[in-house]
N, C-alpha and C. Protein backbone atom coordinates (compact mmCIF):
# COMPACT_ATOMS: atom_id res chain seq x y z
N MET A 1 54.96 -31.95 -117.21
CA MET A 1 53.52 -31.90 -117.38
C MET A 1 53.19 -30.73 -118.30
N ARG A 2 52.40 -30.98 -119.28
CA ARG A 2 52.02 -29.93 -120.23
C ARG A 2 50.77 -29.22 -119.73
N GLY A 3 50.73 -27.92 -119.99
CA GLY A 3 49.54 -27.15 -119.65
C GLY A 3 48.44 -27.43 -120.66
N GLY A 4 47.25 -27.21 -120.24
CA GLY A 4 46.13 -27.43 -121.13
C GLY A 4 44.84 -26.98 -120.46
N ASP A 5 43.75 -27.61 -120.85
CA ASP A 5 42.46 -27.27 -120.27
C ASP A 5 42.38 -27.68 -118.80
N TYR A 6 43.05 -28.77 -118.45
CA TYR A 6 42.97 -29.30 -117.09
C TYR A 6 44.24 -28.90 -116.34
N LYS A 7 44.07 -28.05 -115.35
CA LYS A 7 45.21 -27.63 -114.53
C LYS A 7 44.91 -28.03 -113.09
N PRO A 8 45.52 -29.11 -112.62
CA PRO A 8 45.17 -29.67 -111.31
C PRO A 8 45.38 -28.71 -110.14
N LEU A 9 46.44 -27.96 -110.13
CA LEU A 9 46.68 -27.06 -109.00
C LEU A 9 45.61 -25.96 -108.95
N GLY A 10 45.27 -25.41 -110.08
CA GLY A 10 44.22 -24.40 -110.12
C GLY A 10 42.88 -24.95 -109.70
N ALA A 11 42.59 -26.19 -110.11
CA ALA A 11 41.33 -26.82 -109.73
C ALA A 11 41.28 -27.06 -108.23
N LEU A 12 42.39 -27.53 -107.65
CA LEU A 12 42.43 -27.77 -106.20
C LEU A 12 42.28 -26.47 -105.42
N LEU A 13 42.97 -25.44 -105.87
CA LEU A 13 42.85 -24.14 -105.19
C LEU A 13 41.43 -23.59 -105.30
N THR A 14 40.82 -23.74 -106.45
CA THR A 14 39.44 -23.27 -106.63
C THR A 14 38.49 -24.01 -105.71
N TRP A 15 38.63 -25.33 -105.63
CA TRP A 15 37.77 -26.11 -104.73
C TRP A 15 38.01 -25.72 -103.28
N GLY A 16 39.27 -25.47 -102.91
CA GLY A 16 39.57 -25.05 -101.55
C GLY A 16 38.90 -23.73 -101.22
N VAL A 17 38.97 -22.77 -102.13
CA VAL A 17 38.33 -21.47 -101.92
C VAL A 17 36.82 -21.63 -101.82
N LEU A 18 36.26 -22.47 -102.67
CA LEU A 18 34.81 -22.70 -102.61
C LEU A 18 34.38 -23.33 -101.29
N VAL A 19 35.15 -24.28 -100.79
CA VAL A 19 34.80 -24.93 -99.53
C VAL A 19 34.90 -23.93 -98.38
N VAL A 20 35.96 -23.13 -98.35
CA VAL A 20 36.10 -22.12 -97.30
C VAL A 20 34.97 -21.11 -97.37
N ALA A 21 34.61 -20.66 -98.56
CA ALA A 21 33.50 -19.71 -98.70
C ALA A 21 32.19 -20.33 -98.24
N PHE A 22 31.97 -21.60 -98.59
CA PHE A 22 30.75 -22.29 -98.16
C PHE A 22 30.67 -22.35 -96.64
N VAL A 23 31.77 -22.70 -95.98
CA VAL A 23 31.78 -22.80 -94.52
C VAL A 23 31.53 -21.43 -93.89
N LEU A 24 32.14 -20.39 -94.44
CA LEU A 24 31.93 -19.05 -93.89
C LEU A 24 30.48 -18.59 -94.03
N PHE A 25 29.91 -18.79 -95.21
CA PHE A 25 28.52 -18.39 -95.41
C PHE A 25 27.56 -19.24 -94.59
N TRP A 26 27.86 -20.51 -94.43
CA TRP A 26 27.02 -21.40 -93.62
C TRP A 26 27.04 -20.94 -92.16
N SER A 27 28.21 -20.60 -91.63
CA SER A 27 28.28 -20.16 -90.24
C SER A 27 27.60 -18.80 -90.06
N LEU A 28 27.74 -17.91 -91.04
CA LEU A 28 27.06 -16.62 -90.97
C LEU A 28 25.54 -16.81 -90.97
N ALA A 29 25.06 -17.68 -91.83
CA ALA A 29 23.61 -17.94 -91.89
C ALA A 29 23.12 -18.54 -90.59
N SER A 30 23.87 -19.46 -90.01
CA SER A 30 23.42 -20.08 -88.76
C SER A 30 23.42 -19.06 -87.62
N MET A 31 24.41 -18.14 -87.62
CA MET A 31 24.42 -17.11 -86.59
C MET A 31 23.21 -16.18 -86.74
N LEU A 32 22.87 -15.85 -87.98
CA LEU A 32 21.71 -14.99 -88.21
C LEU A 32 20.42 -15.68 -87.79
N ILE A 33 20.30 -16.96 -88.07
CA ILE A 33 19.10 -17.71 -87.69
C ILE A 33 18.99 -17.81 -86.18
N VAL A 34 20.10 -18.15 -85.51
CA VAL A 34 20.07 -18.26 -84.04
C VAL A 34 19.74 -16.90 -83.43
N GLY A 35 20.34 -15.85 -83.94
CA GLY A 35 20.07 -14.51 -83.41
C GLY A 35 18.64 -14.06 -83.63
N SER A 36 18.08 -14.40 -84.77
CA SER A 36 16.72 -13.96 -85.06
C SER A 36 15.68 -14.74 -84.25
N ARG A 37 16.00 -15.97 -83.89
CA ARG A 37 15.05 -16.79 -83.13
C ARG A 37 15.17 -16.55 -81.62
N HIS A 38 16.20 -15.83 -81.20
CA HIS A 38 16.44 -15.63 -79.77
C HIS A 38 15.45 -14.63 -79.18
N LYS A 39 14.90 -14.98 -78.05
CA LYS A 39 14.01 -14.10 -77.30
C LYS A 39 14.71 -13.76 -75.99
N GLY A 40 14.76 -12.50 -75.67
CA GLY A 40 15.38 -12.10 -74.40
C GLY A 40 16.62 -11.25 -74.64
N PRO A 41 17.33 -10.97 -73.55
CA PRO A 41 18.51 -10.10 -73.65
C PRO A 41 19.64 -10.75 -74.46
N TRP A 42 20.43 -9.92 -75.14
CA TRP A 42 21.54 -10.44 -75.95
C TRP A 42 22.64 -11.01 -75.07
N GLY A 43 22.74 -10.54 -73.84
CA GLY A 43 23.75 -11.08 -72.92
C GLY A 43 23.49 -12.55 -72.63
N ASP A 44 22.21 -12.92 -72.52
CA ASP A 44 21.88 -14.33 -72.29
C ASP A 44 22.28 -15.20 -73.47
N LEU A 45 22.04 -14.70 -74.68
CA LEU A 45 22.44 -15.44 -75.87
C LEU A 45 23.95 -15.60 -75.92
N TYR A 46 24.68 -14.53 -75.60
CA TYR A 46 26.14 -14.58 -75.59
C TYR A 46 26.63 -15.62 -74.60
N ASN A 47 26.06 -15.61 -73.39
CA ASN A 47 26.48 -16.58 -72.36
C ASN A 47 26.16 -18.00 -72.78
N LYS A 48 25.01 -18.20 -73.39
CA LYS A 48 24.62 -19.54 -73.85
C LYS A 48 25.57 -20.05 -74.93
N LEU A 49 25.88 -19.18 -75.89
CA LEU A 49 26.79 -19.58 -76.97
C LEU A 49 28.21 -19.79 -76.45
N LYS A 50 28.64 -18.98 -75.50
CA LYS A 50 29.98 -19.14 -74.92
C LYS A 50 30.07 -20.45 -74.16
N THR A 51 29.05 -20.79 -73.41
CA THR A 51 29.03 -22.05 -72.68
C THR A 51 29.07 -23.23 -73.64
N SER A 52 28.29 -23.15 -74.70
CA SER A 52 28.28 -24.22 -75.71
C SER A 52 29.64 -24.36 -76.36
N ARG A 53 30.27 -23.23 -76.71
CA ARG A 53 31.60 -23.28 -77.33
C ARG A 53 32.63 -23.87 -76.39
N ASP A 54 32.57 -23.48 -75.12
CA ASP A 54 33.52 -24.01 -74.13
C ASP A 54 33.36 -25.51 -73.96
N GLN A 55 32.11 -25.99 -73.95
CA GLN A 55 31.87 -27.43 -73.82
C GLN A 55 32.41 -28.18 -75.03
N GLN A 56 32.22 -27.63 -76.21
CA GLN A 56 32.71 -28.28 -77.42
C GLN A 56 34.24 -28.29 -77.45
N MET A 57 34.87 -27.20 -77.04
CA MET A 57 36.33 -27.15 -77.00
C MET A 57 36.87 -28.15 -75.97
N GLU A 58 36.20 -28.27 -74.85
CA GLU A 58 36.61 -29.22 -73.83
C GLU A 58 36.49 -30.66 -74.35
N ALA A 59 35.41 -30.94 -75.09
CA ALA A 59 35.22 -32.27 -75.64
C ALA A 59 36.31 -32.59 -76.66
N ILE A 60 36.71 -31.59 -77.45
CA ILE A 60 37.75 -31.81 -78.44
C ILE A 60 39.09 -32.07 -77.76
N THR A 61 39.41 -31.29 -76.73
CA THR A 61 40.70 -31.49 -76.07
C THR A 61 40.74 -32.80 -75.29
N ARG A 62 39.60 -33.28 -74.82
CA ARG A 62 39.57 -34.58 -74.13
C ARG A 62 39.84 -35.73 -75.10
N ARG A 63 39.43 -35.58 -76.36
CA ARG A 63 39.63 -36.64 -77.34
C ARG A 63 41.09 -36.80 -77.74
N ARG A 64 41.87 -35.73 -77.63
CA ARG A 64 43.27 -35.77 -78.05
C ARG A 64 44.11 -36.47 -77.07
């Protein structure tokens, strides 16, 4: 394969980095939005998010 303007491995790696960055920024933004909309003690928010995460993990393990 000759090198040129189109380098498939570099393009795939670039897209992979962009997707990972997008997911990280999306999750950061959602955490900031949830935190800013929360009323009450931070411990309650932590417990609520932990319960939600545990339920989602349980649902994933049940599917396997």
